[in-house]
Amino acid sequence: MVRIAVRTLTLNVYKVGDEAIIKFIHDKTAAPYFSNLVWFIGNNVLMMERCLRTEATHLTRNKLESLVALHLDDMHYVHDIMQLQMQSLNSMLCEHLLNTLLIPLYVSAQIQTPRDTLTCGMC
């Protein structure tokens, strides 16, 4: 419930449209906020992978369902931020997503290199 309230509040602040507020958000708060958001998304991805690699039981299935629901919620939130069409925030968020999540976790999973030899911000 707190996560929903925080996300609603941040989206409403981003929508204000005042250039001074947007500049302050971009310069002071967006980078650490987006960094944490992407880290939590990546951590969730790693937990989903662990669930998939363990023996399937009703407990792991329930946990996996919860993790997938959380991941989808995170992706909807990222989509909501992008839909605001605030170029500076979108660029910063895309940079964090690309460099901390997509390349290290999703792309590296498709490469034939063993995961232990890869270095990423999530491992």
PDB file of N, CA and C in Angstrom:
ATOM      1  N   MET A   1       0.817  -1.182   0.000  1.00  0.00           N
ATOM      2  CA  MET A   1       0.000   0.000   0.000  1.00  0.00           C
ATOM      3  C   MET A   1       0.871   1.262   0.000  1.00  0.00           C
ATOM      4  N   VAL A   2       1.963   1.220   0.761  1.00  0.00           N
ATOM      5  CA  VAL A   2       2.868   2.364   0.794  1.00  0.00           C
ATOM      6  C   VAL A   2       3.509   2.561  -0.574  1.00  0.00           C
ATOM      7  N   ARG A   3       3.895   1.451  -1.215  1.00  0.00           N
ATOM      8  CA  ARG A   3       4.513   1.550  -2.537  1.00  0.00           C
ATOM      9  C   ARG A   3       3.566   2.221  -3.525  1.00  0.00           C
ATOM     10  N   ILE A   4       2.294   1.880  -3.479  1.00  0.00           N
ATOM     11  CA  ILE A   4       1.309   2.492  -4.378  1.00  0.00           C
ATOM     12  C   ILE A   4       1.191   3.983  -4.097  1.00  0.00           C
ATOM     13  N   ALA A   5       1.166   4.357  -2.821  1.00  0.00           N
ATOM     14  CA  ALA A   5       1.060   5.769  -2.456  1.00  0.00           C
ATOM     15  C   ALA A   5       2.279   6.554  -2.924  1.00  0.00           C
ATOM     16  N   VAL A   6       3.467   6.002  -2.735  1.00  0.00           N
ATOM     17  CA  VAL A   6       4.690   6.677  -3.170  1.00  0.00           C
ATOM     18  C   VAL A   6       4.707   6.835  -4.687  1.00  0.00           C
ATOM     19  N   ARG A   7       4.321   5.802  -5.390  1.00  0.00           N
ATOM     20  CA  ARG A   7       4.314   5.874  -6.853  1.00  0.00           C
ATOM     21  C   ARG A   7       3.289   6.879  -7.359  1.00  0.00           C
ATOM     22  N   THR A   8       2.123   6.912  -6.747  1.00  0.00           N
ATOM     23  CA  THR A   8       1.104   7.886  -7.126  1.00  0.00           C
ATOM     24  C   THR A   8       1.597   9.297  -6.865  1.00  0.00           C
ATOM     25  N   LEU A   9       2.220   9.493  -5.721  1.00  0.00           N
ATOM     26  CA  LEU A   9       2.756  10.809  -5.375  1.00  0.00           C
ATOM     27  C   LEU A   9       3.839  11.241  -6.353  1.00  0.00           C
ATOM     28  N   THR A  10       4.778  10.350  -6.674  1.00  0.00           N
ATOM     29  CA  THR A  10       5.842  10.729  -7.601  1.00  0.00           C
ATOM     30  C   THR A  10       5.290  11.046  -8.979  1.00  0.00           C
ATOM     31  N   LEU A  11       4.332  10.271  -9.450  1.00  0.00           N
ATOM     32  CA  LEU A  11       3.743  10.561 -10.757  1.00  0.00           C
ATOM     33  C   LEU A  11       3.048  11.922 -10.754  1.00  0.00           C
ATOM     34  N   ASN A  12       2.368  12.251  -9.662  1.00  0.00           N
ATOM     35  CA  ASN A  12       1.698  13.550  -9.569  1.00  0.00           C
ATOM     36  C   ASN A  12       2.698  14.692  -9.504  1.00  0.00           C
ATOM     37  N   VAL A  13       3.806  14.503  -8.824  1.00  0.00           N
ATOM     38  CA  VAL A  13       4.845  15.542  -8.778  1.00  0.00           C
ATOM     39  C   VAL A  13       5.456  15.719 -10.163  1.00  0.00           C
ATOM     40  N   TYR A  14       5.720  14.608 -10.852  1.00  0.00           N
ATOM     41  CA  TYR A  14       6.295  14.703 -12.194  1.00  0.00           C
ATOM     42  C   TYR A  14       5.363  15.440 -13.148  1.00  0.00           C
ATOM     43  N   LYS A  15       4.059  15.326 -12.933  1.00  0.00           N
ATOM     44  CA  LYS A  15       3.068  15.947 -13.828  1.00  0.00           C
ATOM     45  C   LYS A  15       2.936  17.455 -13.642  1.00  0.00           C
ATOM     46  N   VAL A  16       3.482  18.005 -12.571  1.00  0.00           N
ATOM     47  CA  VAL A  16       3.291  19.432 -12.264  1.00  0.00           C
ATOM     48  C   VAL A  16       3.650  20.303 -13.456  1.00  0.00           C
ATOM     49  N   GLY A  17       4.753  20.035 -14.095  1.00  0.00           N
ATOM     50  CA  GLY A  17       5.096  20.744 -15.312  1.00  0.00           C
ATOM     51  C   GLY A  17       5.859  22.038 -15.115  1.00  0.00           C
ATOM     52  N   ASP A  18       6.099  22.459 -13.890  1.00  0.00           N
ATOM     53  CA  ASP A  18       6.890  23.659 -13.623  1.00  0.00           C
ATOM     54  C   ASP A  18       8.353  23.344 -13.917  1.00  0.00           C
ATOM     55  N   GLU A  19       8.984  24.157 -14.753  1.00  0.00           N
ATOM     56  CA  GLU A  19      10.362  23.898 -15.170  1.00  0.00           C
ATOM     57  C   GLU A  19      11.330  23.843 -13.991  1.00  0.00           C
ATOM     58  N   ALA A  20      11.144  24.711 -13.004  1.00  0.00           N
ATOM     59  CA  ALA A  20      12.038  24.723 -11.841  1.00  0.00           C
ATOM     60  C   ALA A  20      11.906  23.423 -11.045  1.00  0.00           C
ATOM     61  N   ILE A  21      10.694  22.933 -10.903  1.00  0.00           N
ATOM     62  CA  ILE A  21      10.477  21.677 -10.171  1.00  0.00           C
ATOM     63  C   ILE A  21      11.074  20.513 -10.939  1.00  0.00           C
ATOM     64  N   ILE A  22      10.860  20.495 -12.227  1.00  0.00           N
ATOM     65  CA  ILE A  22      11.405  19.417 -13.058  1.00  0.00           C
ATOM     66  C   ILE A  22      12.927  19.433 -13.019  1.00  0.00           C
ATOM     67  N   LYS A  23      13.522  20.613 -13.085  1.00  0.00           N
ATOM     68  CA  LYS A  23      14.986  20.718 -13.020  1.00  0.00           C
ATOM     69  C   LYS A  23      15.491  20.208 -11.671  1.00  0.00           C
ATOM     70  N   PHE A  24      14.813  20.582 -10.587  1.00  0.00           N
ATOM     71  CA  PHE A  24      15.205  20.116  -9.266  1.00  0.00           C
ATOM     72  C   PHE A  24      15.092  18.594  -9.180  1.00  0.00           C
ATOM     73  N   ILE A  25      13.997  18.051  -9.648  1.00  0.00           N
ATOM     74  CA  ILE A  25      13.803  16.599  -9.628  1.00  0.00           C
ATOM     75  C   ILE A  25      14.908  15.913 -10.412  1.00  0.00           C
ATOM     76  N   HIS A  26      15.179  16.429 -11.606  1.00  0.00           N
ATOM     77  CA  HIS A  26      16.197  15.827 -12.459  1.00  0.00           C
ATOM     78  C   HIS A  26      17.573  15.918 -11.821  1.00  0.00           C
ATOM     79  N   ASP A  27      17.918  17.077 -11.290  1.00  0.00           N
ATOM     80  CA  ASP A  27      19.260  17.288 -10.765  1.00  0.00           C
ATOM     81  C   ASP A  27      19.499  16.658  -9.400  1.00  0.00           C
ATOM     82  N   LYS A  28      18.474  16.568  -8.558  1.00  0.00           N
ATOM     83  CA  LYS A  28      18.694  16.168  -7.165  1.00  0.00           C
ATOM     84  C   LYS A  28      18.128  14.803  -6.787  1.00  0.00           C
ATOM     85  N   THR A  29      16.995  14.418  -7.331  1.00  0.00           N
ATOM     86  CA  THR A  29      16.326  13.223  -6.793  1.00  0.00           C
ATOM     87  C   THR A  29      16.133  12.085  -7.790  1.00  0.00           C
ATOM     88  N   ALA A  30      16.071  12.380  -9.065  1.00  0.00           N
ATOM     89  CA  ALA A  30      15.709  11.342 -10.040  1.00  0.00           C
ATOM     90  C   ALA A  30      16.754  10.235 -10.132  1.00  0.00           C
ATOM     91  N   ALA A  31      18.024  10.600 -10.169  1.00  0.00           N
ATOM     92  CA  ALA A  31      19.061   9.569 -10.336  1.00  0.00           C
ATOM     93  C   ALA A  31      19.044   8.545  -9.202  1.00  0.00           C
ATOM     94  N   PRO A  32      19.058   8.965  -7.928  1.00  0.00           N
ATOM     95  CA  PRO A  32      19.020   7.930  -6.889  1.00  0.00           C
ATOM     96  C   PRO A  32      17.693   7.165  -6.851  1.00  0.00           C
ATOM     97  N   TYR A  33      16.595   7.859  -7.139  1.00  0.00           N
ATOM     98  CA  TYR A  33      15.290   7.182  -7.131  1.00  0.00           C
ATOM     99  C   TYR A  33      15.219   6.130  -8.232  1.00  0.00           C
ATOM    100  N   PHE A  34      15.613   6.515  -9.446  1.00  0.00           N
ATOM    101  CA  PHE A  34      15.577   5.562 -10.558  1.00  0.00           C
ATOM    102  C   PHE A  34      16.589   4.439 -10.355  1.00  0.00           C
ATOM    103  N   SER A  35      17.731   4.764  -9.784  1.00  0.00           N
ATOM    104  CA  SER A  35      18.727   3.738  -9.503  1.00  0.00           C
ATOM    105  C   SER A  35      18.163   2.693  -8.540  1.00  0.00           C
ATOM    106  N   ASN A  36      17.511   3.145  -7.477  1.00  0.00           N
ATOM    107  CA  ASN A  36      16.893   2.213  -6.528  1.00  0.00           C
ATOM    108  C   ASN A  36      15.769   1.420  -7.180  1.00  0.00           C
ATOM    109  N   LEU A  37      14.936   2.087  -7.967  1.00  0.00           N
ATOM    110  CA  LEU A  37      13.832   1.413  -8.641  1.00  0.00           C
ATOM    111  C   LEU A  37      14.352   0.288  -9.532  1.00  0.00           C
ATOM    112  N   VAL A  38      15.353   0.590 -10.340  1.00  0.00           N
ATOM    113  CA  VAL A  38      15.908  -0.401 -11.264  1.00  0.00           C
ATOM    114  C   VAL A  38      16.617  -1.512 -10.485  1.00  0.00           C
ATOM    115  N   TRP A  39      17.290  -1.176  -9.381  1.00  0.00           N
ATOM    116  CA  TRP A  39      17.932  -2.205  -8.569  1.00  0.00           C
ATOM    117  C   TRP A  39      16.889  -3.172  -8.026  1.00  0.00           C
ATOM    118  N   PHE A  40      15.775  -2.654  -7.509  1.00  0.00           N
ATOM    119  CA  PHE A  40      14.726  -3.525  -6.981  1.00  0.00           C
ATOM    120  C   PHE A  40      14.101  -4.383  -8.086  1.00  0.00           C
ATOM    121  N   ILE A  41      13.932  -3.816  -9.277  1.00  0.00           N
ATOM    122  CA  ILE A  41      13.418  -4.603 -10.398  1.00  0.00           C
ATOM    123  C   ILE A  41      14.396  -5.740 -10.721  1.00  0.00           C
ATOM    124  N   GLY A  42      15.679  -5.412 -10.794  1.00  0.00           N
ATOM    125  CA  GLY A  42      16.691  -6.425 -11.087  1.00  0.00           C
ATOM    126  C   GLY A  42      16.778  -7.487 -10.004  1.00  0.00           C
ATOM    127  N   ASN A  43      16.689  -7.080  -8.765  1.00  0.00           N
ATOM    128  CA  ASN A  43      16.699  -8.033  -7.660  1.00  0.00           C
ATOM    129  C   ASN A  43      15.504  -8.975  -7.770  1.00  0.00           C
ATOM    130  N   ASN A  44      14.366  -8.439  -8.142  1.00  0.00           N
ATOM    131  CA  ASN A  44      13.168  -9.250  -8.343  1.00  0.00           C
ATOM    132  C   ASN A  44      13.374 -10.253  -9.481  1.00  0.00           C
ATOM    133  N   VAL A  45      14.030  -9.826 -10.542  1.00  0.00           N
ATOM    134  CA  VAL A  45      14.325 -10.726 -11.664  1.00  0.00           C
ATOM    135  C   VAL A  45      15.204 -11.882 -11.193  1.00  0.00           C
ATOM    136  N   LEU A  46      16.213 -11.566 -10.394  1.00  0.00           N
ATOM    137  CA  LEU A  46      17.097 -12.619  -9.892  1.00  0.00           C
ATOM    138  C   LEU A  46      16.348 -13.584  -8.971  1.00  0.00           C
ATOM    139  N   MET A  47      15.431 -13.069  -8.162  1.00  0.00           N
ATOM    140  CA  MET A  47      14.633 -13.948  -7.305  1.00  0.00           C
ATOM    141  C   MET A  47      13.707 -14.829  -8.141  1.00  0.00           C
ATOM    142  N   MET A  48      13.150 -14.291  -9.234  1.00  0.00           N
ATOM    143  CA  MET A  48      12.322 -15.119 -10.115  1.00  0.00           C
ATOM    144  C   MET A  48      13.155 -16.231 -10.735  1.00  0.00           C
ATOM    145  N   GLU A  49      14.377 -15.888 -11.140  1.00  0.00           N
ATOM    146  CA  GLU A  49      15.255 -16.901 -11.728  1.00  0.00           C
ATOM    147  C   GLU A  49      15.556 -18.009 -10.719  1.00  0.00           C
ATOM    148  N   ARG A  50      15.836 -17.632  -9.468  1.00  0.00           N
ATOM    149  CA  ARG A  50      16.094 -18.629  -8.428  1.00  0.00           C
ATOM    150  C   ARG A  50      14.887 -19.536  -8.219  1.00  0.00           C
ATOM    151  N   CYS A  51      13.702 -18.946  -8.235  1.00  0.00           N
ATOM    152  CA  CYS A  51      12.475 -19.752  -8.085  1.00  0.00           C
ATOM    153  C   CYS A  51      12.341 -20.751  -9.230  1.00  0.00           C
ATOM    154  N   LEU A  52      12.669 -20.309 -10.433  1.00  0.00           N
ATOM    155  CA  LEU A  52      12.550 -21.189 -11.594  1.00  0.00           C
ATOM    156  C   LEU A  52      13.564 -22.325 -11.563  1.00  0.00           C
ATOM    157  N   ARG A  53      14.699 -22.083 -10.935  1.00  0.00           N
ATOM    158  CA  ARG A  53      15.753 -23.099 -10.883  1.00  0.00           C
ATOM    159  C   ARG A  53      15.572 -24.088  -9.737  1.00  0.00           C
ATOM    160  N   THR A  54      14.713 -23.780  -8.789  1.00  0.00           N
ATOM    161  CA  THR A  54      14.511 -24.698  -7.670  1.00  0.00           C
ATOM    162  C   THR A  54      13.418 -25.702  -8.018  1.00  0.00           C
ATOM    163  N   GLU A  55      13.377 -26.750  -7.243  1.00  0.00           N
ATOM    164  CA  GLU A  55      12.369 -27.774  -7.466  1.00  0.00           C
ATOM    165  C   GLU A  55      10.979 -27.174  -7.269  1.00  0.00           C
ATOM    166  N   ALA A  56      10.109 -27.465  -8.192  1.00  0.00           N
ATOM    167  CA  ALA A  56       8.764 -26.881  -8.176  1.00  0.00           C
ATOM    168  C   ALA A  56       7.920 -27.508  -7.071  1.00  0.00           C
ATOM    169  N   THR A  57       7.463 -26.684  -6.184  1.00  0.00           N
ATOM    170  CA  THR A  57       6.499 -27.076  -5.166  1.00  0.00           C
ATOM    171  C   THR A  57       5.418 -26.016  -5.149  1.00  0.00           C
ATOM    172  N   HIS A  58       4.375 -26.256  -4.395  1.00  0.00           N
ATOM    173  CA  HIS A  58       3.318 -25.245  -4.344  1.00  0.00           C
ATOM    174  C   HIS A  58       3.833 -23.956  -3.700  1.00  0.00           C
ATOM    175  N   LEU A  59       4.825 -24.055  -2.813  1.00  0.00           N
ATOM    176  CA  LEU A  59       5.379 -22.855  -2.188  1.00  0.00           C
ATOM    177  C   LEU A  59       6.175 -22.014  -3.189  1.00  0.00           C
ATOM    178  N   THR A  60       7.016 -22.693  -3.987  1.00  0.00           N
ATOM    179  CA  THR A  60       7.785 -21.938  -4.978  1.00  0.00           C
ATOM    180  C   THR A  60       6.872 -21.391  -6.067  1.00  0.00           C
ATOM    181  N   ARG A  61       5.830 -22.121  -6.387  1.00  0.00           N
ATOM    182  CA  ARG A  61       4.883 -21.629  -7.396  1.00  0.00           C
ATOM    183  C   ARG A  61       4.177 -20.373  -6.896  1.00  0.00           C
ATOM    184  N   ASN A  62       3.741 -20.385  -5.640  1.00  0.00           N
ATOM    185  CA  ASN A  62       3.085 -19.209  -5.072  1.00  0.00           C
ATOM    186  C   ASN A  62       4.044 -18.024  -4.996  1.00  0.00           C
ATOM    187  N   LYS A  63       5.288 -18.294  -4.613  1.00  0.00           N
ATOM    188  CA  LYS A  63       6.277 -17.224  -4.549  1.00  0.00           C
ATOM    189  C   LYS A  63       6.545 -16.669  -5.943  1.00  0.00           C
ATOM    190  N   LEU A  64       6.665 -17.551  -6.921  1.00  0.00           N
ATOM    191  CA  LEU A  64       6.904 -17.111  -8.288  1.00  0.00           C
ATOM    192  C   LEU A  64       5.746 -16.258  -8.797  1.00  0.00           C
ATOM    193  N   GLU A  65       4.535 -16.658  -8.502  1.00  0.00           N
ATOM    194  CA  GLU A  65       3.376 -15.869  -8.917  1.00  0.00           C
ATOM    195  C   GLU A  65       3.414 -14.475  -8.300  1.00  0.00           C
ATOM    196  N   SER A  66       3.795 -14.399  -7.039  1.00  0.00           N
ATOM    197  CA  SER A  66       3.904 -13.100  -6.365  1.00  0.00           C
ATOM    198  C   SER A  66       5.000 -12.251  -6.993  1.00  0.00           C
ATOM    199  N   LEU A  67       6.138 -12.870  -7.296  1.00  0.00           N
ATOM    200  CA  LEU A  67       7.243 -12.142  -7.906  1.00  0.00           C
ATOM    201  C   LEU A  67       6.889 -11.639  -9.301  1.00  0.00           C
ATOM    202  N   VAL A  68       6.192 -12.455 -10.069  1.00  0.00           N
ATOM    203  CA  VAL A  68       5.765 -12.032 -11.411  1.00  0.00           C
ATOM    204  C   VAL A  68       4.778 -10.874 -11.308  1.00  0.00           C
ATOM    205  N   ALA A  69       3.858 -10.933 -10.362  1.00  0.00           N
ATOM    206  CA  ALA A  69       2.900  -9.839 -10.169  1.00  0.00           C
ATOM    207  C   ALA A  69       3.628  -8.551  -9.790  1.00  0.00           C
ATOM    208  N   LEU A  70       4.617  -8.663  -8.920  1.00  0.00           N
ATOM    209  CA  LEU A  70       5.404  -7.499  -8.531  1.00  0.00           C
ATOM    210  C   LEU A  70       6.171  -6.942  -9.718  1.00  0.00           C
ATOM    211  N   HIS A  71       6.749  -7.829 -10.520  1.00  0.00           N
ATOM    212  CA  HIS A  71       7.496  -7.405 -11.714  1.00  0.00           C
ATOM    213  C   HIS A  71       6.574  -6.671 -12.701  1.00  0.00           C
ATOM    214  N   LEU A  72       5.401  -7.217 -12.913  1.00  0.00           N
ATOM    215  CA  LEU A  72       4.448  -6.554 -13.808  1.00  0.00           C
ATOM    216  C   LEU A  72       4.041  -5.189 -13.267  1.00  0.00           C
ATOM    217  N   ASP A  73       3.844  -5.097 -11.971  1.00  0.00           N
ATOM    218  CA  ASP A  73       3.525  -3.812 -11.347  1.00  0.00           C
ATOM    219  C   ASP A  73       4.653  -2.814 -11.570  1.00  0.00           C
ATOM    220  N   ASP A  74       5.891  -3.264 -11.403  1.00  0.00           N
ATOM    221  CA  ASP A  74       7.042  -2.392 -11.658  1.00  0.00           C
ATOM    222  C   ASP A  74       7.086  -1.938 -13.110  1.00  0.00           C
ATOM    223  N   MET A  75       6.809  -2.852 -14.032  1.00  0.00           N
ATOM    224  CA  MET A  75       6.842  -2.490 -15.446  1.00  0.00           C
ATOM    225  C   MET A  75       5.728  -1.497 -15.802  1.00  0.00           C
ATOM    226  N   HIS A  76       4.575  -1.655 -15.175  1.00  0.00           N
ATOM    227  CA  HIS A  76       3.495  -0.688 -15.397  1.00  0.00           C
ATOM    228  C   HIS A  76       3.887   0.692 -14.862  1.00  0.00           C
ATOM    229  N   TYR A  77       4.567   0.728 -13.731  1.00  0.00           N
ATOM    230  CA  TYR A  77       5.019   1.997 -13.168  1.00  0.00           C
ATOM    231  C   TYR A  77       6.042   2.663 -14.089  1.00  0.00           C
ATOM    232  N   VAL A  78       6.990   1.891 -14.602  1.00  0.00           N
ATOM    233  CA  VAL A  78       7.959   2.438 -15.561  1.00  0.00           C
ATOM    234  C   VAL A  78       7.216   2.983 -16.777  1.00  0.00           C
ATOM    235  N   HIS A  79       6.234   2.253 -17.246  1.00  0.00           N
ATOM    236  CA  HIS A  79       5.428   2.704 -18.382  1.00  0.00           C
ATOM    237  C   HIS A  79       4.716   4.015 -18.052  1.00  0.00           C
ATOM    238  N   ASP A  80       4.157   4.114 -16.860  1.00  0.00           N
ATOM    239  CA  ASP A  80       3.475   5.343 -16.452  1.00  0.00           C
ATOM    240  C   ASP A  80       4.427   6.535 -16.445  1.00  0.00           C
ATOM    241  N   ILE A  81       5.655   6.319 -15.975  1.00  0.00           N
ATOM    242  CA  ILE A  81       6.646   7.401 -15.989  1.00  0.00           C
ATOM    243  C   ILE A  81       6.958   7.799 -17.420  1.00  0.00           C
ATOM    244  N   MET A  82       7.160   6.820 -18.291  1.00  0.00           N
ATOM    245  CA  MET A  82       7.477   7.113 -19.692  1.00  0.00           C
ATOM    246  C   MET A  82       6.331   7.844 -20.390  1.00  0.00           C
ATOM    247  N   GLN A  83       5.110   7.504 -20.036  1.00  0.00           N
ATOM    248  CA  GLN A  83       3.933   8.123 -20.658  1.00  0.00           C
ATOM    249  C   GLN A  83       3.811   9.608 -20.326  1.00  0.00           C
ATOM    250  N   LEU A  84       4.486  10.074 -19.291  1.00  0.00           N
ATOM    251  CA  LEU A  84       4.463  11.497 -18.961  1.00  0.00           C
ATOM    252  C   LEU A  84       5.218  12.322 -20.002  1.00  0.00           C
ATOM    253  N   GLN A  85       6.046  11.664 -20.791  1.00  0.00           N
ATOM    254  CA  GLN A  85       6.798  12.277 -21.889  1.00  0.00           C
ATOM    255  C   GLN A  85       7.639  13.462 -21.424  1.00  0.00           C
ATOM    256  N   MET A  86       8.346  13.254 -20.315  1.00  0.00           N
ATOM    257  CA  MET A  86       9.286  14.250 -19.809  1.00  0.00           C
ATOM    258  C   MET A  86      10.673  13.783 -20.231  1.00  0.00           C
ATOM    259  N   GLN A  87      11.194  14.396 -21.273  1.00  0.00           N
ATOM    260  CA  GLN A  87      12.394  13.911 -21.946  1.00  0.00           C
ATOM    261  C   GLN A  87      13.566  13.686 -20.992  1.00  0.00           C
ATOM    262  N   SER A  88      13.834  14.629 -20.105  1.00  0.00           N
ATOM    263  CA  SER A  88      15.006  14.481 -19.238  1.00  0.00           C
ATOM    264  C   SER A  88      14.844  13.302 -18.279  1.00  0.00           C
ATOM    265  N   LEU A  89      13.656  13.131 -17.718  1.00  0.00           N
ATOM    266  CA  LEU A  89      13.427  12.003 -16.816  1.00  0.00           C
ATOM    267  C   LEU A  89      13.412  10.685 -17.573  1.00  0.00           C
ATOM    268  N   ASN A  90      12.779  10.673 -18.739  1.00  0.00           N
ATOM    269  CA  ASN A  90      12.736   9.447 -19.540  1.00  0.00           C
ATOM    270  C   ASN A  90      14.141   8.998 -19.940  1.00  0.00           C
ATOM    271  N   SER A  91      14.982   9.954 -20.333  1.00  0.00           N
ATOM    272  CA  SER A  91      16.349   9.610 -20.719  1.00  0.00           C
ATOM    273  C   SER A  91      17.120   9.012 -19.558  1.00  0.00           C
ATOM    274  N   MET A  92      16.967   9.624 -18.384  1.00  0.00           N
ATOM    275  CA  MET A  92      17.663   9.120 -17.203  1.00  0.00           C
ATOM    276  C   MET A  92      17.160   7.719 -16.827  1.00  0.00           C
ATOM    277  N   LEU A  93      15.850   7.531 -16.858  1.00  0.00           N
ATOM    278  CA  LEU A  93      15.288   6.227 -16.528  1.00  0.00           C
ATOM    279  C   LEU A  93      15.728   5.175 -17.540  1.00  0.00           C
ATOM    280  N   CYS A  94      15.699   5.520 -18.813  1.00  0.00           N
ATOM    281  CA  CYS A  94      16.137   4.573 -19.856  1.00  0.00           C
ATOM    282  C   CYS A  94      17.599   4.199 -19.684  1.00  0.00           C
ATOM    283  N   GLU A  95      18.425   5.166 -19.319  1.00  0.00           N
ATOM    284  CA  GLU A  95      19.844   4.880 -19.099  1.00  0.00           C
ATOM    285  C   GLU A  95      20.025   3.893 -17.952  1.00  0.00           C
ATOM    286  N   HIS A  96      19.305   4.109 -16.862  1.00  0.00           N
ATOM    287  CA  HIS A  96      19.389   3.178 -15.731  1.00  0.00           C
ATOM    288  C   HIS A  96      18.862   1.796 -16.131  1.00  0.00           C
ATOM    289  N   LEU A  97      17.752   1.753 -16.828  1.00  0.00           N
ATOM    290  CA  LEU A  97      17.184   0.461 -17.246  1.00  0.00           C
ATOM    291  C   LEU A  97      18.143  -0.286 -18.160  1.00  0.00           C
ATOM    292  N   LEU A  98      18.721   0.419 -19.106  1.00  0.00           N
ATOM    293  CA  LEU A  98      19.612  -0.214 -20.071  1.00  0.00           C
ATOM    294  C   LEU A  98      20.891  -0.716 -19.414  1.00  0.00           C
ATOM    295  N   ASN A  99      21.537   0.152 -18.647  1.00  0.00           N
ATOM    296  CA  ASN A  99      22.863  -0.177 -18.114  1.00  0.00           C
ATOM    297  C   ASN A  99      22.845  -1.029 -16.853  1.00  0.00           C
ATOM    298  N   THR A 100      21.752  -1.032 -16.119  1.00  0.00           N
ATOM    299  CA  THR A 100      21.711  -1.776 -14.865  1.00  0.00           C
ATOM    300  C   THR A 100      20.814  -3.004 -14.933  1.00  0.00           C
ATOM    301  N   LEU A 101      19.864  -3.004 -15.857  1.00  0.00           N
ATOM    302  CA  LEU A 101      18.902  -4.111 -15.897  1.00  0.00           C
ATOM    303  C   LEU A 101      18.960  -4.875 -17.213  1.00  0.00           C
ATOM    304  N   LEU A 102      18.683  -4.214 -18.305  1.00  0.00           N
ATOM    305  CA  LEU A 102      18.518  -4.926 -19.572  1.00  0.00           C
ATOM    306  C   LEU A 102      19.791  -5.602 -20.046  1.00  0.00           C
ATOM    307  N   ILE A 103      20.882  -4.869 -20.114  1.00  0.00           N
ATOM    308  CA  ILE A 103      22.119  -5.476 -20.614  1.00  0.00           C
ATOM    309  C   ILE A 103      22.679  -6.501 -19.622  1.00  0.00           C
ATOM    310  N   PRO A 104      22.868  -6.126 -18.340  1.00  0.00           N
ATOM    311  CA  PRO A 104      23.478  -7.117 -17.433  1.00  0.00           C
ATOM    312  C   PRO A 104      22.626  -8.353 -17.161  1.00  0.00           C
ATOM    313  N   LEU A 105      21.314  -8.204 -17.094  1.00  0.00           N
ATOM    314  CA  LEU A 105      20.496  -9.355 -16.712  1.00  0.00           C
ATOM    315  C   LEU A 105      19.828 -10.040 -17.890  1.00  0.00           C
ATOM    316  N   TYR A 106      19.160  -9.285 -18.722  1.00  0.00           N
ATOM    317  CA  TYR A 106      18.400  -9.909 -19.801  1.00  0.00           C
ATOM    318  C   TYR A 106      19.282 -10.301 -20.982  1.00  0.00           C
ATOM    319  N   VAL A 107      20.144  -9.396 -21.422  1.00  0.00           N
ATOM    320  CA  VAL A 107      20.984  -9.698 -22.582  1.00  0.00           C
ATOM    321  C   VAL A 107      22.044 -10.726 -22.219  1.00  0.00           C
ATOM    322  N   SER A 108      22.666 -10.564 -21.048  1.00  0.00           N
ATOM    323  CA  SER A 108      23.719 -11.509 -20.669  1.00  0.00           C
ATOM    324  C   SER A 108      23.188 -12.923 -20.512  1.00  0.00           C
ATOM    325  N   ALA A 109      21.912 -13.056 -20.192  1.00  0.00           N
ATOM    326  CA  ALA A 109      21.318 -14.391 -20.069  1.00  0.00           C
ATOM    327  C   ALA A 109      21.253 -15.093 -21.428  1.00  0.00           C
ATOM    328  N   GLN A 110      21.280 -14.334 -22.499  1.00  0.00           N
ATOM    329  CA  GLN A 110      21.199 -14.908 -23.836  1.00  0.00           C
ATOM    330  C   GLN A 110      22.570 -15.222 -24.430  1.00  0.00           C
ATOM    331  N   ILE A 111      23.622 -14.749 -23.777  1.00  0.00           N
ATOM    332  CA  ILE A 111      24.983 -14.980 -24.247  1.00  0.00           C
ATOM    333  C   ILE A 111      25.461 -16.323 -23.699  1.00  0.00           C
ATOM    334  N   GLN A 112      26.323 -16.992 -24.426  1.00  0.00           N
ATOM    335  CA  GLN A 112      26.794 -18.313 -24.023  1.00  0.00           C
ATOM    336  C   GLN A 112      27.813 -18.272 -22.888  1.00  0.00           C
ATOM    337  N   THR A 113      28.219 -17.084 -22.429  1.00  0.00           N
ATOM    338  CA  THR A 113      29.185 -16.958 -21.350  1.00  0.00           C
ATOM    339  C   THR A 113      28.541 -17.379 -20.030  1.00  0.00           C
ATOM    340  N   PRO A 114      29.234 -18.168 -19.220  1.00  0.00           N
ATOM    341  CA  PRO A 114      28.669 -18.528 -17.913  1.00  0.00           C
ATOM    342  C   PRO A 114      28.419 -17.281 -17.076  1.00  0.00           C
ATOM    343  N   ARG A 115      27.318 -17.267 -16.322  1.00  0.00           N
ATOM    344  CA  ARG A 115      26.924 -16.096 -15.537  1.00  0.00           C
ATOM    345  C   ARG A 115      27.966 -15.703 -14.511  1.00  0.00           C
ATOM    346  N   ASP A 116      28.714 -16.660 -13.987  1.00  0.00           N
ATOM    347  CA  ASP A 116      29.681 -16.345 -12.942  1.00  0.00           C
ATOM    348  C   ASP A 116      30.790 -15.430 -13.443  1.00  0.00           C
ATOM    349  N   THR A 117      31.058 -15.454 -14.754  1.00  0.00           N
ATOM    350  CA  THR A 117      32.136 -14.628 -15.285  1.00  0.00           C
ATOM    351  C   THR A 117      31.644 -13.239 -15.679  1.00  0.00           C
ATOM    352  N   LEU A 118      30.359 -13.018 -15.667  1.00  0.00           N
ATOM    353  CA  LEU A 118      29.819 -11.712 -16.024  1.00  0.00           C
ATOM    354  C   LEU A 118      29.833 -10.798 -14.814  1.00  0.00           C
ATOM    355  N   THR A 119      30.057  -9.536 -15.079  1.00  0.00           N
ATOM    356  CA  THR A 119      29.957  -8.560 -14.001  1.00  0.00           C
ATOM    357  C   THR A 119      28.803  -7.659 -14.324  1.00  0.00           C
ATOM    358  N   CYS A 120      27.955  -7.452 -13.338  1.00  0.00           N
ATOM    359  CA  CYS A 120      26.831  -6.559 -13.531  1.00  0.00           C
ATOM    360  C   CYS A 120      26.539  -5.863 -12.234  1.00  0.00           C
ATOM    361  N   GLY A 121      25.758  -4.810 -12.291  1.00  0.00           N
ATOM    362  CA  GLY A 121      25.424  -4.044 -11.115  1.00  0.00           C
ATOM    363  C   GLY A 121      24.503  -4.773 -10.157  1.00  0.00           C
ATOM    364  N   MET A 122      23.914  -5.884 -10.573  1.00  0.00           N
ATOM    365  CA  MET A 122      22.950  -6.581  -9.739  1.00  0.00           C
ATOM    366  C   MET A 122      23.572  -7.773  -9.018  1.00  0.00           C
ATOM    367  N   CYS A 123      24.723  -8.266  -9.494  1.00  0.00           N
ATOM    368  CA  CYS A 123      25.284  -9.493  -8.941  1.00  0.00           C
ATOM    369  C   CYS A 123      26.219  -9.209  -7.788  1.00  0.00           C
TER     370      CYS A 123
END
